[in-house]
């Protein structure tokens, strides 16, 4: 495990909490469907995963010259949103993820 420098202030404790979260979790969750595109959202102000955050995924349709939303979901208690895209509905292209932080 790598060493983390901890400051004696609130931001230092948040950084330590986030470090502990990501370094002690097993990334292999048998309940999560493996997908070609994943995300993990952390709330650095609170030092914890960002739960209940709306997320949408769009793909750029070059022939139309615009973005098209192809999936949406909400982060779980661990700040993840499993199963947004499956291998079956994944297509090669340019994707963007929108994190709707205005809703939190």
Protein backbone atom coordinates (compact mmCIF):
# COMPACT_ATOMS: atom_id res chain seq x y z
CA UNK A 1 0.00 0.00 0.00
CA UNK A 2 1.29 3.44 -0.85
CA UNK A 3 1.83 6.05 1.86
CA UNK A 4 -0.55 8.99 2.01
CA UNK A 5 0.47 12.32 3.51
CA UNK A 6 -2.26 13.50 5.88
CA UNK A 7 -2.72 17.16 6.74
CA UNK A 8 -4.16 18.26 10.06
CA UNK A 9 -7.19 19.95 8.53
CA UNK A 10 -10.58 18.95 7.15
CA UNK A 11 -9.35 18.55 3.56
CA UNK A 12 -6.58 16.25 4.79
CA UNK A 13 -9.08 14.02 6.55
CA UNK A 14 -11.28 13.91 3.42
CA UNK A 15 -8.31 12.86 1.32
CA UNK A 16 -7.46 10.13 3.81
CA UNK A 17 -11.07 8.89 3.82
CA UNK A 18 -11.14 8.71 0.01
CA UNK A 19 -7.77 6.95 -0.06
CA UNK A 20 -9.02 4.36 2.44
CA UNK A 21 -12.18 3.87 0.39
CA UNK A 22 -10.44 3.16 -2.90
CA UNK A 23 -7.53 1.18 -1.46
CA UNK A 24 -9.53 -1.21 0.72
CA UNK A 25 -12.37 -2.04 -1.68
CA UNK A 26 -12.33 -5.09 -3.87
CA UNK A 27 -12.98 -3.99 -7.41
CA UNK A 28 -14.37 -7.37 -8.33
CA UNK A 29 -17.99 -7.24 -7.34
CA UNK A 30 -19.77 -10.38 -8.46
CA UNK A 31 -23.10 -8.51 -8.61
CA UNK A 32 -21.78 -5.96 -11.10
CA UNK A 33 -22.21 -6.75 -14.76
CA UNK A 34 -18.95 -6.07 -16.53
CA UNK A 35 -19.39 -3.32 -19.06
CA UNK A 36 -17.20 -1.62 -21.63
CA UNK A 37 -17.60 1.78 -19.93
CA UNK A 38 -17.48 2.32 -16.17
CA UNK A 39 -17.23 5.20 -13.71
CA UNK A 40 -16.57 5.71 -10.01
CA UNK A 41 -17.57 9.07 -8.53
CA UNK A 42 -16.09 10.36 -5.28
CA UNK A 43 -17.34 13.40 -3.37
CA UNK A 44 -14.10 15.07 -2.34
CA UNK A 45 -15.91 17.64 -0.17
CA UNK A 46 -17.33 14.87 2.02
CA UNK A 47 -14.56 12.33 1.60
CA UNK A 48 -16.95 9.59 0.49
CA UNK A 49 -18.48 8.02 -2.62
CA UNK A 50 -21.03 10.21 -4.40
CA UNK A 51 -24.27 8.25 -4.14
CA UNK A 52 -27.57 9.00 -5.91
CA UNK A 53 -25.87 11.10 -8.58
CA UNK A 54 -27.67 11.10 -11.96
CA UNK A 55 -25.39 10.10 -14.84
CA UNK A 56 -26.06 10.03 -18.56
CA UNK A 57 -23.93 8.67 -21.39
CA UNK A 58 -24.01 10.06 -24.90
CA UNK A 59 -22.29 8.95 -28.08
CA UNK A 60 -21.32 11.32 -30.90
CA UNK A 61 -23.17 10.51 -34.12
CA UNK A 62 -20.77 11.79 -36.74
CA UNK A 63 -23.19 11.52 -39.68
CA UNK A 64 -25.73 13.63 -37.73
CA UNK A 65 -23.10 15.92 -36.22
CA UNK A 66 -24.61 15.68 -32.74
CA UNK A 67 -24.57 13.82 -29.44
CA UNK A 68 -27.24 11.17 -28.75
CA UNK A 69 -27.99 9.95 -25.23
CA UNK A 70 -27.70 6.16 -25.11
CA UNK A 71 -27.89 5.38 -21.38
CA UNK A 72 -28.63 6.91 -18.01
CA UNK A 73 -28.56 5.83 -14.41
CA UNK A 74 -27.90 6.77 -10.81
CA UNK A 75 -24.78 6.05 -8.75
CA UNK A 76 -25.10 3.48 -5.98
CA UNK A 77 -23.87 3.78 -2.38
CA UNK A 78 -20.32 3.10 -3.61
CA UNK A 79 -20.43 5.91 -6.21
CA UNK A 80 -20.62 3.46 -9.10
CA UNK A 81 -23.22 2.99 -11.79
CA UNK A 82 -22.90 -0.59 -13.01
CA UNK A 83 -24.50 -1.78 -16.21
CA UNK A 84 -24.78 1.57 -18.00
CA UNK A 85 -23.64 0.04 -21.25
CA UNK A 86 -23.48 -3.64 -22.10
CA UNK A 87 -21.30 -5.32 -24.68
CA UNK A 88 -24.46 -5.82 -26.76
CA UNK A 89 -25.33 -2.11 -27.03
CA UNK A 90 -21.76 -0.78 -27.09
CA UNK A 91 -20.50 0.60 -30.38
CA UNK A 92 -17.15 2.03 -31.32
CA UNK A 93 -17.14 5.80 -31.07
CA UNK A 94 -16.63 8.88 -28.94
CA UNK A 95 -18.55 8.92 -25.66
CA UNK A 96 -19.15 11.53 -23.01
CA UNK A 97 -20.47 11.10 -19.49
CA UNK A 98 -22.59 13.82 -17.90
CA UNK A 99 -22.54 13.97 -14.10
CA UNK A 100 -25.61 15.96 -13.08
CA UNK A 101 -24.20 17.62 -9.98
CA UNK A 102 -26.99 20.21 -9.98
CA UNK A 103 -29.33 17.51 -8.60
CA UNK A 104 -27.24 16.79 -5.52
